[in-house]
Amino acid sequence: MNYQFIEPDKIIDMLFKDSEYVIEFCEAGVISFDEFIENYQIHLLDRNMADLRKAGHKIKPGAQMMGADEVVDEYEHAKDLLNNNADDEELEESVDKMNSICSTIKKELTHLADSQN
């Protein structure tokens, strides 16, 4: 599999090449990204900066650890959209983009976990 967002070697090395840890990390990551995209969508479309920030701060360290900087970039872009009072269409585009990124990351994490067996 060609990984588009996560860096499998970075994750595996960070977890001491222990396949059980890698599987646990990947499974926890899938759950975290499920929660994040749900909160991202709700809070961005509600224009709720405080709760959007909470969701972002929760996902940021994990995303950075796995090399998925695109999540952080789009999250920062979303905050700019809110600060600049962007129209609803622009907010929905950001949600769609983040949804696509997170969906791909979840597939990549699942694949990485499966490859450890």
Protein backbone atom coordinates (compact mmCIF):
# COMPACT_ATOMS: atom_id res chain seq x y z
CA MET A 1 0.00 0.00 0.00
CA ASN A 2 1.17 3.51 -0.77
CA TYR A 3 0.66 5.61 2.33
CA GLN A 4 -0.56 9.09 1.49
CA PHE A 5 -0.64 10.64 4.98
CA ILE A 6 0.87 8.49 7.70
CA GLU A 7 4.53 7.47 7.89
CA PRO A 8 4.53 3.78 8.89
CA ASP A 9 8.29 3.64 9.54
CA LYS A 10 8.04 6.62 11.89
CA ILE A 11 5.23 4.92 13.84
CA ILE A 12 6.96 1.53 13.96
CA ASP A 13 10.27 3.06 15.13
CA MET A 14 8.51 5.24 17.71
CA LEU A 15 6.91 2.08 19.14
CA PHE A 16 10.21 0.16 19.32
CA LYS A 17 9.24 -2.09 16.39
CA ASP A 18 6.81 -3.89 18.76
CA SER A 19 3.95 -5.13 16.60
CA GLU A 20 1.50 -5.28 19.54
CA TYR A 21 2.16 -1.63 20.35
CA VAL A 22 1.80 -0.69 16.69
CA ILE A 23 -1.56 -2.49 16.47
CA GLU A 24 -2.79 -0.78 19.67
CA PHE A 25 -1.59 2.62 18.45
CA CYS A 26 -3.33 2.15 15.09
CA GLU A 27 -6.59 0.99 16.68
CA ALA A 28 -6.57 3.93 19.10
CA GLY A 29 -5.79 6.23 16.18
CA VAL A 30 -8.82 5.05 14.21
CA ILE A 31 -11.07 5.78 17.22
CA SER A 32 -9.45 9.19 17.74
CA PHE A 33 -9.92 10.18 14.11
CA ASP A 34 -13.56 9.04 14.20
CA GLU A 35 -14.20 11.29 17.21
CA PHE A 36 -12.19 14.13 15.73
CA ILE A 37 -13.95 14.33 12.36
CA GLU A 38 -17.34 14.25 14.06
CA ASN A 39 -16.37 17.09 16.42
CA TYR A 40 -14.60 19.00 13.66
CA GLN A 41 -17.71 18.98 11.49
CA ILE A 42 -20.11 19.94 14.29
CA HIS A 43 -17.99 22.72 15.76
CA LEU A 44 -16.75 24.21 12.49
CA LEU A 45 -20.23 24.38 10.98
CA ASP A 46 -21.61 25.80 14.27
CA ARG A 47 -18.77 28.35 14.19
CA ASN A 48 -17.79 27.27 17.70
CA MET A 49 -14.11 28.20 17.90
CA ALA A 50 -13.64 27.10 21.54
CA ASP A 51 -14.81 23.53 20.92
CA LEU A 52 -13.09 23.37 17.52
CA ARG A 53 -9.84 24.22 19.32
CA LYS A 54 -10.47 21.47 21.90
CA ALA A 55 -10.97 18.92 19.11
CA GLY A 56 -7.85 20.16 17.33
CA HIS A 57 -5.68 20.08 20.44
CA LYS A 58 -6.77 16.50 21.09
CA ILE A 59 -5.85 15.21 17.61
CA LYS A 60 -2.78 17.33 16.88
CA PRO A 61 -0.11 15.39 18.83
CA GLY A 62 -1.18 12.03 17.40
CA ALA A 63 -1.40 13.39 13.88
CA GLN A 64 2.07 14.92 14.18
CA MET A 65 3.51 11.70 15.65
CA MET A 66 2.33 9.70 12.65
CA GLY A 67 3.46 12.32 10.13
CA ALA A 68 -0.05 13.42 9.11
CA ASP A 69 0.69 17.14 8.93
CA GLU A 70 -2.20 17.68 6.51
CA VAL A 71 -4.62 17.28 9.44
CA VAL A 72 -2.89 20.06 11.34
CA ASP A 73 -2.70 22.26 8.23
CA GLU A 74 -6.43 21.91 7.49
CA TYR A 75 -7.32 22.47 11.15
CA GLU A 76 -5.28 25.72 11.14
CA HIS A 77 -7.00 26.69 7.88
CA ALA A 78 -10.40 26.09 9.52
CA LYS A 79 -9.52 28.42 12.39
CA ASP A 80 -8.54 31.08 9.84
CA LEU A 81 -11.88 30.58 8.07
CA LEU A 82 -13.75 31.20 11.33
CA ASN A 83 -11.59 34.19 12.23
CA ASN A 84 -12.30 35.68 8.80
CA ASN A 85 -16.03 34.91 8.99
CA ALA A 86 -15.93 32.72 5.89
CA ASP A 87 -19.20 31.73 4.26
CA ASP A 88 -20.85 28.37 4.98
CA GLU A 89 -19.73 26.93 1.64
CA GLU A 90 -16.07 27.43 2.55
CA LEU A 91 -16.63 25.78 5.94
CA GLU A 92 -18.31 22.82 4.26
CA GLU A 93 -15.38 22.51 1.83
CA SER A 94 -13.02 22.32 4.81
CA VAL A 95 -15.20 19.64 6.43
CA ASP A 96 -15.20 17.64 3.18
CA LYS A 97 -11.44 17.94 2.86
CA MET A 98 -10.83 16.95 6.50
CA ASN A 99 -13.31 14.08 6.14
CA SER A 100 -11.38 12.79 3.15
CA ILE A 101 -8.02 13.11 4.93
CA CYS A 102 -9.27 11.38 8.09
CA SER A 103 -10.98 8.62 6.13
CA THR A 104 -7.73 7.87 4.29
CA ILE A 105 -5.72 7.99 7.53
CA LYS A 106 -8.11 5.49 9.15
CA LYS A 107 -7.67 3.14 6.18
CA GLU A 108 -3.89 3.53 6.38
CA LEU A 109 -3.85 2.86 10.13
CA THR A 110 -6.03 -0.22 9.66
CA HIS A 111 -3.73 -1.48 6.91
CA LEU A 112 -0.64 -0.87 9.04
CA ALA A 113 -2.22 -2.72 11.97
CA ASP A 114 -3.18 -5.64 9.71
CA SER A 115 0.36 -5.81 8.35
CA GLN A 116 1.69 -6.43 11.88
CA ASN A 117 -0.04 -9.82 12.20
